[in-house]
Amino acid sequence: MQVYGPTHLHGPQAIAAPHAARPAQSPSNISAPAGGDEVQISDAAKLIEQMQQMPDIRQDRVASIRAQIAQGTYETPNRLDTAVSRLLDEIG
């Protein structure tokens, strides 16, 4: 509804009223942006994806290692050297 001053009002109009907005350009003249779309994935989303791809926990293996730790037979000099070497490789 259009208001023209305090005393003049338009009457009811159909949905496709004569005052409907028309696009300035026809769709054939509109071009796509030159850069295109871009998606950025956050570090948190990457971490979640990595976690989802990890295999399930092998409870039997965890129980075996816990038992070895409790008995004091798990930490050997060879295993500690391997762990330190892997840590240094990961740190860089």
Protein backbone atom coordinates (compact mmCIF):
# COMPACT_ATOMS: atom_id res chain seq x y z
CA MET A 1 0.00 0.00 0.00
CA GLN A 2 1.34 3.41 -0.94
CA VAL A 3 0.57 6.49 1.13
CA TYR A 4 0.37 9.82 -0.74
CA GLY A 5 -0.18 12.49 1.85
CA PRO A 6 -2.57 12.43 4.78
CA THR A 7 -5.78 11.97 2.75
CA HIS A 8 -4.91 9.86 -0.31
CA LEU A 9 -4.45 6.06 -0.07
CA HIS A 10 -4.22 3.41 -2.76
CA GLY A 11 -6.92 0.81 -2.71
CA PRO A 12 -6.28 -2.91 -2.44
CA GLN A 13 -3.94 -4.29 -5.09
CA ALA A 14 -3.28 -7.72 -6.50
CA ILE A 15 -0.11 -9.58 -5.57
CA ALA A 16 1.46 -8.59 -8.92
CA ALA A 17 0.54 -4.94 -8.49
CA PRO A 18 1.60 -2.39 -11.09
CA HIS A 19 4.08 -0.94 -8.59
CA ALA A 20 6.02 -4.19 -8.22
CA ALA A 21 9.78 -3.77 -8.23
CA ARG A 22 11.44 -4.85 -11.45
CA PRO A 23 15.10 -5.93 -11.63
CA ALA A 24 17.40 -3.30 -13.13
CA GLN A 25 19.13 -5.87 -15.36
CA SER A 26 17.84 -8.96 -17.03
CA PRO A 27 19.34 -12.24 -15.71
CA SER A 28 21.23 -12.82 -18.97
CA ASN A 29 23.27 -9.63 -18.43
CA ILE A 30 24.40 -10.55 -14.89
CA SER A 31 27.85 -12.13 -14.72
CA ALA A 32 29.36 -14.24 -11.96
CA PRO A 33 32.07 -12.74 -9.74
CA ALA A 34 35.56 -13.27 -11.08
CA GLY A 35 36.98 -14.73 -7.85
CA GLY A 36 34.42 -17.46 -7.30
CA ASP A 37 33.46 -19.01 -3.98
CA GLU A 38 35.95 -19.85 -1.29
CA VAL A 39 35.65 -22.18 1.69
CA GLN A 40 37.88 -21.98 4.76
CA ILE A 41 37.95 -24.90 7.17
CA SER A 42 38.88 -24.06 10.76
CA ASP A 43 41.60 -25.86 12.69
CA ALA A 44 38.96 -27.19 15.08
CA ALA A 45 37.03 -28.74 12.17
CA LYS A 46 40.24 -30.33 10.86
CA LEU A 47 40.92 -31.80 14.31
CA ILE A 48 37.40 -33.20 14.53
CA GLU A 49 37.80 -34.79 11.10
CA GLN A 50 41.07 -36.42 12.19
CA MET A 51 39.42 -37.73 15.35
CA GLN A 52 36.54 -39.22 13.36
CA GLN A 53 38.98 -41.07 11.12
CA MET A 54 40.87 -42.63 14.05
CA PRO A 55 40.28 -46.32 14.61
CA ASP A 56 38.28 -47.55 17.58
CA ILE A 57 40.08 -48.17 20.88
CA ARG A 58 41.36 -51.71 21.25
CA GLN A 59 40.33 -52.41 24.84
CA ASP A 60 42.22 -55.71 24.96
CA ARG A 61 45.47 -53.94 24.07
CA VAL A 62 44.83 -51.18 26.61
CA ALA A 63 44.17 -53.76 29.34
CA SER A 64 47.38 -55.63 28.46
CA ILE A 65 49.52 -52.48 28.62
CA ARG A 66 47.90 -51.40 31.91
CA ALA A 67 48.75 -54.78 33.39
CA GLN A 68 52.38 -54.49 32.22
CA ILE A 69 52.63 -50.99 33.71
CA ALA A 70 51.18 -52.23 37.01
CA GLN A 71 53.74 -55.07 37.08
CA GLY A 72 56.60 -52.70 36.21
CA THR A 73 57.55 -54.58 33.04
CA TYR A 74 56.33 -52.11 30.43
CA GLU A 75 58.99 -49.37 30.62
CA THR A 76 62.18 -50.80 29.15
CA PRO A 77 65.23 -48.82 27.99
CA ASN A 78 64.47 -49.78 24.38
CA ARG A 79 60.88 -48.50 24.58
CA LEU A 80 61.98 -45.26 26.24
CA ASP A 81 64.60 -44.66 23.51
CA THR A 82 61.98 -45.25 20.84
CA ALA A 83 59.51 -42.88 22.53
CA VAL A 84 62.11 -40.12 22.91
CA SER A 85 63.21 -40.56 19.29
CA ARG A 86 59.63 -40.30 18.03
CA LEU A 87 59.02 -37.24 20.19
CA LEU A 88 62.12 -35.48 18.84
CA ASP A 89 61.12 -36.34 15.27
CA GLU A 90 57.66 -34.88 15.86
CA ILE A 91 58.96 -31.70 17.49
CA GLY A 92 61.26 -31.16 14.57
